[in-house]
Amino acid sequence: MMPYPQKTEPLAILAAALDIVENQGWPALSMRSVAAALGVRASSLYRHYADRAALDSALGALAAKTLLREMESAAGRLDGPARLDAMALAYVRFARNSPALYQLIAAPGGAADSQPESKAIWNLILDAIARCSKTRRDHTPAAVVLWSFLHGYISLDAAGKFGASGPKGALEKGLAAIVKGFA
């Protein structure tokens, strides 16, 4: 039996798909466009991904795993407000550095929603908020507030809505106010 070429390995396929999305946008992504980028026939991709939905799901998993890893790394051994700030800033950095993957996390019904890492991200945020709070209440509303603030900030920043002068420390001020409210 002849071995399959390395360029049709799952990670190579995902890398090509991500490159297409980042450089040409989501409408340009198809099994044929990925195959063309890899210099293979589209049929060779179906060994790993049954269709475009399967490819989207794999990209969603990549997005969720990457964001989780970056937030955990930023949190490190920090605790309290410093932990939450570091994680929130990592979230914003991820969105800026990987806008195509961020879309999978932020989009309604996005491909990242069904990934176990998405739940792990949510739990990481809940735990960080609990470490800032003196109460034992359900921290879900606080996590929604934080997530809404971060997503709104990211959306406005990506759309250039802060103008030439920029947000002037609004992210840090907003985070400080939110964290103070958690206490």
N, C-alpha and C. Protein backbone atom coordinates (compact mmCIF):
# COMPACT_ATOMS: atom_id res chain seq x y z
N MET A 1 0.84 -1.18 0.00
CA MET A 1 0.00 0.00 0.00
C MET A 1 0.89 1.25 0.00
N MET A 2 0.57 2.15 -0.85
CA MET A 2 1.35 3.38 -0.99
C MET A 2 0.95 4.39 0.09
N PRO A 3 1.92 5.04 0.75
CA PRO A 3 1.58 6.02 1.79
C PRO A 3 0.94 7.28 1.18
N TYR A 4 0.07 7.91 1.98
CA TYR A 4 -0.55 9.16 1.54
C TYR A 4 0.46 10.29 1.68
N PRO A 5 0.42 11.26 0.77
CA PRO A 5 1.38 12.36 0.87
C PRO A 5 1.13 13.18 2.14
N GLN A 6 2.22 13.69 2.70
CA GLN A 6 2.12 14.48 3.93
C GLN A 6 1.22 15.69 3.78
N LYS A 7 1.14 16.24 2.59
CA LYS A 7 0.33 17.45 2.41
C LYS A 7 -1.16 17.18 2.55
N THR A 8 -1.53 15.89 2.65
CA THR A 8 -2.95 15.60 2.91
C THR A 8 -3.17 15.12 4.35
N GLU A 9 -2.21 15.34 5.22
CA GLU A 9 -2.40 15.05 6.64
C GLU A 9 -3.34 16.10 7.22
N PRO A 10 -4.10 15.75 8.26
CA PRO A 10 -5.08 16.68 8.82
C PRO A 10 -4.54 18.07 9.16
N LEU A 11 -3.37 18.14 9.78
CA LEU A 11 -2.83 19.46 10.15
C LEU A 11 -2.47 20.29 8.93
N ALA A 12 -1.97 19.66 7.89
CA ALA A 12 -1.64 20.39 6.66
C ALA A 12 -2.92 20.90 6.00
N ILE A 13 -3.95 20.09 6.03
CA ILE A 13 -5.24 20.50 5.45
C ILE A 13 -5.80 21.69 6.22
N LEU A 14 -5.77 21.60 7.56
CA LEU A 14 -6.27 22.71 8.39
C LEU A 14 -5.46 23.98 8.17
N ALA A 15 -4.15 23.84 8.06
CA ALA A 15 -3.30 25.01 7.82
C ALA A 15 -3.65 25.68 6.50
N ALA A 16 -3.87 24.88 5.47
CA ALA A 16 -4.24 25.43 4.16
C ALA A 16 -5.60 26.10 4.22
N ALA A 17 -6.55 25.46 4.91
CA ALA A 17 -7.90 26.03 5.05
C ALA A 17 -7.83 27.36 5.79
N LEU A 18 -7.08 27.40 6.87
CA LEU A 18 -6.95 28.63 7.65
C LEU A 18 -6.29 29.73 6.83
N ASP A 19 -5.29 29.38 6.05
CA ASP A 19 -4.62 30.37 5.19
C ASP A 19 -5.62 30.96 4.19
N ILE A 20 -6.45 30.13 3.63
CA ILE A 20 -7.46 30.61 2.67
C ILE A 20 -8.41 31.58 3.36
N VAL A 21 -8.91 31.20 4.52
CA VAL A 21 -9.87 32.03 5.25
C VAL A 21 -9.24 33.36 5.65
N GLU A 22 -8.00 33.31 6.15
CA GLU A 22 -7.34 34.54 6.60
C GLU A 22 -7.02 35.48 5.45
N ASN A 23 -6.73 34.94 4.27
CA ASN A 23 -6.32 35.79 3.15
C ASN A 23 -7.43 36.10 2.16
N GLN A 24 -8.47 35.23 2.09
CA GLN A 24 -9.52 35.43 1.10
C GLN A 24 -10.92 35.50 1.69
N GLY A 25 -11.04 35.16 2.97
CA GLY A 25 -12.35 35.20 3.63
C GLY A 25 -13.05 33.85 3.59
N TRP A 26 -14.06 33.73 4.45
CA TRP A 26 -14.81 32.47 4.57
C TRP A 26 -15.49 32.04 3.28
N PRO A 27 -16.02 32.94 2.46
CA PRO A 27 -16.69 32.48 1.23
C PRO A 27 -15.75 31.73 0.27
N ALA A 28 -14.46 31.99 0.39
CA ALA A 28 -13.50 31.34 -0.51
C ALA A 28 -13.15 29.91 -0.08
N LEU A 29 -13.54 29.53 1.12
CA LEU A 29 -13.18 28.21 1.62
C LEU A 29 -14.10 27.13 1.05
N SER A 30 -13.48 26.15 0.43
CA SER A 30 -14.20 24.97 -0.06
C SER A 30 -13.19 23.83 -0.09
N MET A 31 -13.68 22.65 -0.25
CA MET A 31 -12.78 21.49 -0.34
C MET A 31 -11.88 21.65 -1.58
N ARG A 32 -12.45 22.17 -2.65
CA ARG A 32 -11.66 22.36 -3.87
C ARG A 32 -10.57 23.42 -3.69
N SER A 33 -10.90 24.52 -2.99
CA SER A 33 -9.88 25.57 -2.81
C SER A 33 -8.75 25.07 -1.91
N VAL A 34 -9.08 24.27 -0.91
CA VAL A 34 -8.04 23.71 -0.04
C VAL A 34 -7.18 22.74 -0.84
N ALA A 35 -7.81 21.89 -1.62
CA ALA A 35 -7.06 20.94 -2.44
C ALA A 35 -6.14 21.67 -3.42
N ALA A 36 -6.65 22.73 -4.04
CA ALA A 36 -5.82 23.51 -4.97
C ALA A 36 -4.62 24.12 -4.25
N ALA A 37 -4.84 24.62 -3.04
CA ALA A 37 -3.74 25.21 -2.27
C ALA A 37 -2.68 24.17 -1.92
N LEU A 38 -3.12 22.94 -1.74
CA LEU A 38 -2.18 21.87 -1.39
C LEU A 38 -1.60 21.18 -2.62
N GLY A 39 -2.16 21.47 -3.80
CA GLY A 39 -1.68 20.83 -5.02
C GLY A 39 -2.11 19.37 -5.14
N VAL A 40 -3.31 19.08 -4.64
CA VAL A 40 -3.83 17.71 -4.71
C VAL A 40 -5.26 17.76 -5.24
N ARG A 41 -5.84 16.60 -5.46
CA ARG A 41 -7.25 16.53 -5.85
C ARG A 41 -8.12 16.64 -4.61
N ALA A 42 -9.29 17.24 -4.78
CA ALA A 42 -10.21 17.40 -3.66
C ALA A 42 -10.57 16.05 -3.04
N SER A 43 -10.65 15.02 -3.85
CA SER A 43 -11.02 13.70 -3.32
C SER A 43 -10.03 13.19 -2.27
N SER A 44 -8.78 13.65 -2.33
CA SER A 44 -7.79 13.19 -1.35
C SER A 44 -8.03 13.76 0.04
N LEU A 45 -8.83 14.81 0.15
CA LEU A 45 -9.12 15.42 1.45
C LEU A 45 -10.21 14.66 2.20
N TYR A 46 -11.05 13.97 1.46
CA TYR A 46 -12.20 13.32 2.08
C TYR A 46 -11.82 12.15 2.98
N ARG A 47 -10.60 11.70 2.90
CA ARG A 47 -10.10 10.66 3.80
C ARG A 47 -10.11 11.18 5.24
N HIS A 48 -9.89 12.48 5.40
CA HIS A 48 -9.82 13.08 6.74
C HIS A 48 -11.06 13.90 7.09
N TYR A 49 -11.66 14.54 6.10
CA TYR A 49 -12.81 15.40 6.33
C TYR A 49 -13.90 15.06 5.31
N ALA A 50 -15.02 14.60 5.80
CA ALA A 50 -16.09 14.12 4.93
C ALA A 50 -16.68 15.21 4.04
N ASP A 51 -16.64 16.46 4.53
CA ASP A 51 -17.23 17.57 3.78
C ASP A 51 -16.80 18.89 4.41
N ARG A 52 -17.32 19.97 3.88
CA ARG A 52 -16.98 21.31 4.37
C ARG A 52 -17.39 21.46 5.84
N ALA A 53 -18.52 20.90 6.23
CA ALA A 53 -18.96 20.99 7.63
C ALA A 53 -17.96 20.32 8.57
N ALA A 54 -17.40 19.20 8.16
CA ALA A 54 -16.39 18.51 8.97
C ALA A 54 -15.12 19.35 9.07
N LEU A 55 -14.77 19.99 7.96
CA LEU A 55 -13.61 20.88 7.97
C LEU A 55 -13.85 22.07 8.90
N ASP A 56 -15.05 22.66 8.83
CA ASP A 56 -15.41 23.76 9.73
C ASP A 56 -15.33 23.32 11.19
N SER A 57 -15.82 22.12 11.47
CA SER A 57 -15.78 21.61 12.83
C SER A 57 -14.34 21.45 13.32
N ALA A 58 -13.48 20.96 12.46
CA ALA A 58 -12.06 20.82 12.83
C ALA A 58 -11.42 22.19 13.06
N LEU A 59 -11.79 23.17 12.25
CA LEU A 59 -11.29 24.53 12.47
C LEU A 59 -11.84 25.10 13.78
N GLY A 60 -13.08 24.77 14.10
CA GLY A 60 -13.67 25.20 15.37
C GLY A 60 -12.92 24.60 16.55
N ALA A 61 -12.56 23.33 16.43
CA ALA A 61 -11.77 22.68 17.49
C ALA A 61 -10.41 23.35 17.63
N LEU A 62 -9.79 23.66 16.51
CA LEU A 62 -8.50 24.36 16.53
C LEU A 62 -8.64 25.71 17.22
N ALA A 63 -9.69 26.44 16.89
CA ALA A 63 -9.92 27.76 17.50
C ALA A 63 -10.08 27.64 19.00
N ALA A 64 -10.94 26.73 19.44
CA ALA A 64 -11.21 26.58 20.87
C ALA A 64 -9.97 26.11 21.62
N LYS A 65 -9.23 25.15 21.06
CA LYS A 65 -8.01 24.66 21.71
C LYS A 65 -6.97 25.76 21.82
N THR A 66 -6.82 26.53 20.75
CA THR A 66 -5.81 27.60 20.75
C THR A 66 -6.16 28.67 21.77
N LEU A 67 -7.42 29.10 21.79
CA LEU A 67 -7.82 30.13 22.76
C LEU A 67 -7.68 29.61 24.19
N LEU A 68 -8.11 28.40 24.45
CA LEU A 68 -7.97 27.84 25.79
C LEU A 68 -6.52 27.80 26.23
N ARG A 69 -5.65 27.33 25.36
CA ARG A 69 -4.22 27.25 25.67
C ARG A 69 -3.65 28.64 25.97
N GLU A 70 -4.03 29.63 25.17
CA GLU A 70 -3.51 30.99 25.37
C GLU A 70 -4.03 31.60 26.67
N MET A 71 -5.29 31.35 27.00
CA MET A 71 -5.84 31.89 28.24
C MET A 71 -5.23 31.20 29.46
N GLU A 72 -5.05 29.88 29.39
CA GLU A 72 -4.42 29.16 30.50
C GLU A 72 -2.98 29.60 30.70
N SER A 73 -2.28 29.79 29.60
CA SER A 73 -0.90 30.25 29.68
C SER A 73 -0.81 31.63 30.30
N ALA A 74 -1.71 32.52 29.91
CA ALA A 74 -1.71 33.88 30.45
C ALA A 74 -2.05 33.87 31.94
N ALA A 75 -2.97 32.99 32.34
CA ALA A 75 -3.38 32.92 33.74
C ALA A 75 -2.24 32.40 34.61
N GLY A 76 -1.50 31.43 34.06
CA GLY A 76 -0.36 30.89 34.78
C GLY A 76 -0.66 30.63 36.24
N ARG A 77 0.17 31.17 37.10
CA ARG A 77 0.01 31.01 38.55
C ARG A 77 -0.60 32.25 39.19
N LEU A 78 -1.11 33.14 38.35
CA LEU A 78 -1.72 34.35 38.89
C LEU A 78 -3.02 34.01 39.60
N ASP A 79 -3.46 34.92 40.45
CA ASP A 79 -4.72 34.72 41.15
C ASP A 79 -5.45 36.05 41.26
N GLY A 80 -6.73 35.97 41.59
CA GLY A 80 -7.53 37.17 41.80
C GLY A 80 -7.66 38.00 40.53
N PRO A 81 -7.76 39.32 40.70
CA PRO A 81 -7.94 40.21 39.55
C PRO A 81 -6.83 40.11 38.50
N ALA A 82 -5.60 39.86 38.95
CA ALA A 82 -4.48 39.75 38.00
C ALA A 82 -4.70 38.57 37.06
N ARG A 83 -5.25 37.48 37.58
CA ARG A 83 -5.53 36.29 36.76
C ARG A 83 -6.60 36.62 35.71
N LEU A 84 -7.67 37.25 36.17
CA LEU A 84 -8.77 37.58 35.27
C LEU A 84 -8.32 38.58 34.20
N ASP A 85 -7.56 39.58 34.59
CA ASP A 85 -7.04 40.56 33.62
C ASP A 85 -6.17 39.88 32.57
N ALA A 86 -5.27 39.01 33.01
CA ALA A 86 -4.36 38.33 32.08
C ALA A 86 -5.14 37.48 31.08
N MET A 87 -6.16 36.78 31.57
CA MET A 87 -6.98 35.94 30.69
C MET A 87 -7.77 36.80 29.71
N ALA A 88 -8.33 37.90 30.18
CA ALA A 88 -9.11 38.77 29.31
C ALA A 88 -8.22 39.38 28.23
N LEU A 89 -7.04 39.80 28.60
CA LEU A 89 -6.11 40.37 27.61
C LEU A 89 -5.67 39.31 26.61
N ALA A 90 -5.51 38.07 27.05
CA ALA A 90 -5.16 36.97 26.14
C ALA A 90 -6.30 36.74 25.15
N TYR A 91 -7.53 36.85 25.64
CA TYR A 91 -8.72 36.68 24.78
C TYR A 91 -8.71 37.74 23.67
N VAL A 92 -8.45 38.99 24.06
CA VAL A 92 -8.42 40.09 23.08
C VAL A 92 -7.26 39.89 22.10
N ARG A 93 -6.10 39.49 22.60
CA ARG A 93 -4.94 39.24 21.73
C ARG A 93 -5.25 38.15 20.71
N PHE A 94 -5.89 37.08 21.18
CA PHE A 94 -6.26 35.99 20.28
C PHE A 94 -7.17 36.52 19.16
N ALA A 95 -8.16 37.31 19.52
CA ALA A 95 -9.09 37.85 18.52
C ALA A 95 -8.37 38.74 17.52
N ARG A 96 -7.41 39.52 17.98
CA ARG A 96 -6.66 40.40 17.07
C ARG A 96 -5.71 39.60 16.18
N ASN A 97 -5.04 38.62 16.77
CA ASN A 97 -4.01 37.86 16.03
C ASN A 97 -4.59 36.77 15.15
N SER A 98 -5.77 36.28 15.48
CA SER A 98 -6.39 35.18 14.73
C SER A 98 -7.87 35.49 14.45
N PRO A 99 -8.13 36.55 13.69
CA PRO A 99 -9.53 36.96 13.50
C PRO A 99 -10.41 35.88 12.85
N ALA A 100 -9.85 35.08 11.97
CA ALA A 100 -10.65 34.03 11.33
C ALA A 100 -11.06 32.98 12.36
N LEU A 101 -10.14 32.57 13.22
CA LEU A 101 -10.47 31.60 14.25
C LEU A 101 -11.41 32.22 15.28
N TYR A 102 -11.21 33.48 15.59
CA TYR A 102 -12.10 34.15 16.55
C TYR A 102 -13.53 34.15 16.04
N GLN A 103 -13.72 34.31 14.74
CA GLN A 103 -15.06 34.28 14.17
C GLN A 103 -15.77 32.97 14.49
N LEU A 104 -15.02 31.87 14.51
CA LEU A 104 -15.62 30.57 14.83
C LEU A 104 -16.08 30.50 16.28
N ILE A 105 -15.42 31.26 17.14
CA ILE A 105 -15.78 31.28 18.55
C ILE A 105 -16.92 32.26 18.80
N ALA A 106 -16.90 33.39 18.12
CA ALA A 106 -17.86 34.46 18.38
C ALA A 106 -19.16 34.35 17.59
N ALA A 107 -19.12 33.65 16.48
CA ALA A 107 -20.32 33.58 15.62
C ALA A 107 -21.42 32.75 16.27
N PRO A 108 -22.67 33.17 16.11
CA PRO A 108 -23.78 32.36 16.62
C PRO A 108 -23.77 30.99 15.97
N GLY A 109 -23.85 29.96 16.79
CA GLY A 109 -23.83 28.60 16.25
C GLY A 109 -22.52 28.27 15.58
N GLY A 110 -21.44 28.93 16.00
CA GLY A 110 -20.13 28.73 15.39
C GLY A 110 -19.61 27.31 15.59
N ALA A 111 -18.66 26.94 14.74
CA ALA A 111 -18.11 25.59 14.76
C ALA A 111 -17.37 25.28 16.06
N ALA A 112 -17.02 26.30 16.82
CA ALA A 112 -16.31 26.07 18.08
C ALA A 112 -17.27 25.76 19.22
N ASP A 113 -18.54 26.09 19.07
CA ASP A 113 -19.50 25.94 20.16
C ASP A 113 -19.62 24.52 20.68
N SER A 114 -19.52 23.55 19.80
CA SER A 114 -19.72 22.15 20.20
C SER A 114 -18.45 21.49 20.72
N GLN A 115 -17.36 22.23 20.77
CA GLN A 115 -16.09 21.65 21.19
C GLN A 115 -15.97 21.61 22.71
N PRO A 116 -15.40 20.55 23.27
CA PRO A 116 -15.24 20.47 24.73
C PRO A 116 -14.39 21.61 25.28
N GLU A 117 -13.47 22.11 24.46
CA GLU A 117 -12.62 23.21 24.91
C GLU A 117 -13.43 24.49 25.12
N SER A 118 -14.53 24.65 24.40
CA SER A 118 -15.38 25.82 24.59
C SER A 118 -15.96 25.82 26.00
N LYS A 119 -16.39 24.67 26.45
CA LYS A 119 -16.89 24.55 27.83
C LYS A 119 -15.75 24.80 28.82
N ALA A 120 -14.56 24.32 28.50
CA ALA A 120 -13.40 24.53 29.37
C ALA A 120 -13.05 26.02 29.46
N ILE A 121 -13.19 26.75 28.36
CA ILE A 121 -12.95 28.20 28.38
C ILE A 121 -13.96 28.86 29.32
N TRP A 122 -15.22 28.50 29.17
CA TRP A 122 -16.28 29.05 30.02
C TRP A 122 -15.98 28.77 31.50
N ASN A 123 -15.59 27.53 31.81
CA ASN A 123 -15.28 27.17 33.20
C ASN A 123 -14.05 27.90 33.72
N LEU A 124 -13.08 28.12 32.87
CA LEU A 124 -11.89 28.88 33.25
C LEU A 124 -12.27 30.31 33.63
N ILE A 125 -13.16 30.90 32.84
CA ILE A 125 -13.64 32.26 33.13
C ILE A 125 -14.44 32.27 34.44
N LEU A 126 -15.33 31.32 34.61
CA LEU A 126 -16.11 31.25 35.85
C LEU A 126 -15.21 31.10 37.07
N ASP A 127 -14.19 30.26 36.97
CA ASP A 127 -13.26 30.07 38.07
C ASP A 127 -12.50 31.36 38.38
N ALA A 128 -12.06 32.07 37.34
CA ALA A 128 -11.32 33.32 37.56
C ALA A 128 -12.20 34.37 38.22
N ILE A 129 -13.46 34.42 37.82
CA ILE A 129 -14.40 35.37 38.44
C ILE A 129 -14.63 34.98 39.89
N ALA A 130 -14.80 33.71 40.16
CA ALA A 130 -15.02 33.24 41.54
C ALA A 130 -13.84 33.62 42.43
N ARG A 131 -12.64 33.60 41.88
CA ARG A 131 -11.45 33.97 42.66
C ARG A 131 -11.41 35.46 42.98
N CYS A 132 -12.19 36.25 42.25
CA CYS A 132 -12.26 37.70 42.49
C CYS A 132 -13.43 38.06 43.40
N SER A 133 -14.29 37.13 43.64
CA SER A 133 -15.53 37.39 44.36
C SER A 133 -15.46 36.89 45.79
N LYS A 134 -16.15 37.58 46.66
CA LYS A 134 -16.21 37.15 48.05
C LYS A 134 -17.47 36.33 48.33
N THR A 135 -18.29 36.11 47.32
CA THR A 135 -19.54 35.37 47.51
C THR A 135 -19.45 34.00 46.84
N ARG A 136 -20.36 33.14 47.19
CA ARG A 136 -20.42 31.79 46.61
C ARG A 136 -21.57 31.68 45.62
N ARG A 137 -22.03 32.79 45.12
CA ARG A 137 -23.19 32.78 44.22
C ARG A 137 -22.81 32.21 42.84
N ASP A 138 -23.83 32.06 42.02
CA ASP A 138 -23.63 31.64 40.64
C ASP A 138 -22.97 32.80 39.89
N HIS A 139 -21.83 32.56 39.30
CA HIS A 139 -21.07 33.62 38.63
C HIS A 139 -21.36 33.71 37.14
N THR A 140 -22.37 32.98 36.68
CA THR A 140 -22.72 33.01 35.27
C THR A 140 -23.05 34.42 34.77
N PRO A 141 -23.88 35.20 35.48
CA PRO A 141 -24.15 36.57 34.99
C PRO A 141 -22.88 37.41 34.87
N ALA A 142 -21.95 37.26 35.80
CA ALA A 142 -20.71 38.01 35.74
C ALA A 142 -19.88 37.59 34.52
N ALA A 143 -19.88 36.29 34.23
CA ALA A 143 -19.14 35.80 33.06
C ALA A 143 -19.75 36.35 31.78
N VAL A 144 -21.08 36.43 31.74
CA VAL A 144 -21.76 37.00 30.57
C VAL A 144 -21.40 38.47 30.40
N VAL A 145 -21.34 39.21 31.50
CA VAL A 145 -20.95 40.63 31.45
C VAL A 145 -19.54 40.76 30.88
N LEU A 146 -18.61 39.98 31.41
CA LEU A 146 -17.23 40.04 30.95
C LEU A 146 -17.13 39.68 29.48
N TRP A 147 -17.76 38.59 29.09
CA TRP A 147 -17.71 38.13 27.71
C TRP A 147 -18.33 39.17 26.77
N SER A 148 -19.44 39.75 27.17
CA SER A 148 -20.10 40.78 26.34
C SER A 148 -19.19 41.99 26.17
N PHE A 149 -18.58 42.42 27.26
CA PHE A 149 -17.66 43.55 27.18
C PHE A 149 -16.50 43.25 26.23
N LEU A 150 -15.87 42.09 26.40
CA LEU A 150 -14.72 41.75 25.56
C LEU A 150 -15.12 41.63 24.09
N HIS A 151 -16.23 40.96 23.83
CA HIS A 151 -16.67 40.81 22.44
C HIS A 151 -17.03 42.16 21.83
N GLY A 152 -17.70 43.00 22.58
CA GLY A 152 -18.02 44.34 22.08
C GLY A 152 -16.77 45.14 21.78
N TYR A 153 -15.81 45.09 22.68
CA TYR A 153 -14.55 45.80 22.48
C TYR A 153 -13.85 45.29 21.22
N ILE A 154 -13.76 43.97 21.10
CA ILE A 154 -13.09 43.36 19.95
C ILE A 154 -13.80 43.76 18.65
N SER A 155 -15.12 43.71 18.65
CA SER A 155 -15.90 44.05 17.44
C SER A 155 -15.68 45.50 17.04
N LEU A 156 -15.73 46.40 18.00
CA LEU A 156 -15.52 47.82 17.71
C LEU A 156 -14.10 48.09 17.23
N ASP A 157 -13.13 47.44 17.88
CA ASP A 157 -11.74 47.62 17.49
C ASP A 157 -11.50 47.10 16.08
N ALA A 158 -12.02 45.92 15.76
CA ALA A 158 -11.84 45.33 14.43
C ALA A 158 -12.49 46.18 13.35
N ALA A 159 -13.59 46.84 13.69
CA ALA A 159 -14.29 47.69 12.72
C ALA A 159 -13.68 49.08 12.62
N GLY A 160 -12.64 49.36 13.40
CA GLY A 160 -11.99 50.67 13.36
C GLY A 160 -12.84 51.78 13.96
N LYS A 161 -13.75 51.44 14.85
CA LYS A 161 -14.67 52.42 15.41
C LYS A 161 -14.05 53.32 16.48
N PHE A 162 -12.83 53.02 16.91
CA PHE A 162 -12.19 53.86 17.92
C PHE A 162 -11.50 55.07 17.31
N GLY A 163 -11.45 55.10 15.99
CA GLY A 163 -10.87 56.25 15.31
C GLY A 163 -9.35 56.30 15.41
N ALA A 164 -8.80 57.38 14.90
CA ALA A 164 -7.35 57.53 14.84
C ALA A 164 -6.70 57.60 16.22
N SER A 165 -7.42 58.12 17.19
CA SER A 165 -6.83 58.26 18.52
C SER A 165 -6.83 56.95 19.31
N GLY A 166 -7.58 55.97 18.85
CA GLY A 166 -7.61 54.69 19.54
C GLY A 166 -8.50 54.71 20.77
N PRO A 167 -8.57 53.59 21.48
CA PRO A 167 -9.48 53.48 22.62
C PRO A 167 -8.96 54.14 23.90
N LYS A 168 -7.72 54.60 23.92
CA LYS A 168 -7.15 55.34 25.05
C LYS A 168 -7.32 54.62 26.39
N GLY A 169 -6.92 53.37 26.46
CA GLY A 169 -6.95 52.63 27.72
C GLY A 169 -8.33 52.15 28.13
N ALA A 170 -9.30 52.22 27.23
CA ALA A 170 -10.67 51.82 27.57
C ALA A 170 -10.76 50.35 27.97
N LEU A 171 -9.99 49.50 27.34
CA LEU A 171 -10.03 48.08 27.67
C LEU A 171 -9.63 47.87 29.13
N GLU A 172 -8.53 48.45 29.52
CA GLU A 172 -8.04 48.29 30.88
C GLU A 172 -9.00 48.93 31.89
N LYS A 173 -9.53 50.11 31.57
CA LYS A 173 -10.47 50.77 32.48
C LYS A 173 -11.76 49.97 32.61
N GLY A 174 -12.25 49.46 31.50
CA GLY A 174 -13.46 48.64 31.53
C GLY A 174 -13.26 47.37 32.34
N LEU A 175 -12.12 46.70 32.13
CA LEU A 175 -11.83 45.49 32.88
C LEU A 175 -11.75 45.79 34.38
N ALA A 176 -11.08 46.89 34.73
CA ALA A 176 -10.94 47.26 36.14
C ALA A 176 -12.31 47.49 36.77
N ALA A 177 -13.19 48.17 36.05
CA ALA A 177 -14.53 48.44 36.58
C ALA A 177 -15.33 47.15 36.73
N ILE A 178 -15.23 46.28 35.76
CA ILE A 178 -15.95 45.01 35.82
C ILE A 178 -15.44 44.15 36.96
N VAL A 179 -14.13 44.04 37.09
CA VAL A 179 -13.55 43.22 38.16
C VAL A 179 -13.91 43.80 39.53
N LYS A 180 -13.92 45.10 39.63
CA LYS A 180 -14.31 45.72 40.90
C LYS A 180 -15.76 45.36 41.24
N GLY A 181 -16.61 45.32 40.24
CA GLY A 181 -17.99 44.92 40.45
C GLY A 181 -18.13 43.47 40.88
N PHE A 182 -17.21 42.61 40.47
CA PHE A 182 -17.26 41.20 40.87
C PHE A 182 -16.99 41.02 42.34
N ALA A 183 -16.17 41.89 42.92
CA ALA A 183 -15.80 41.77 44.33
C ALA A 183 -17.00 41.98 45.21
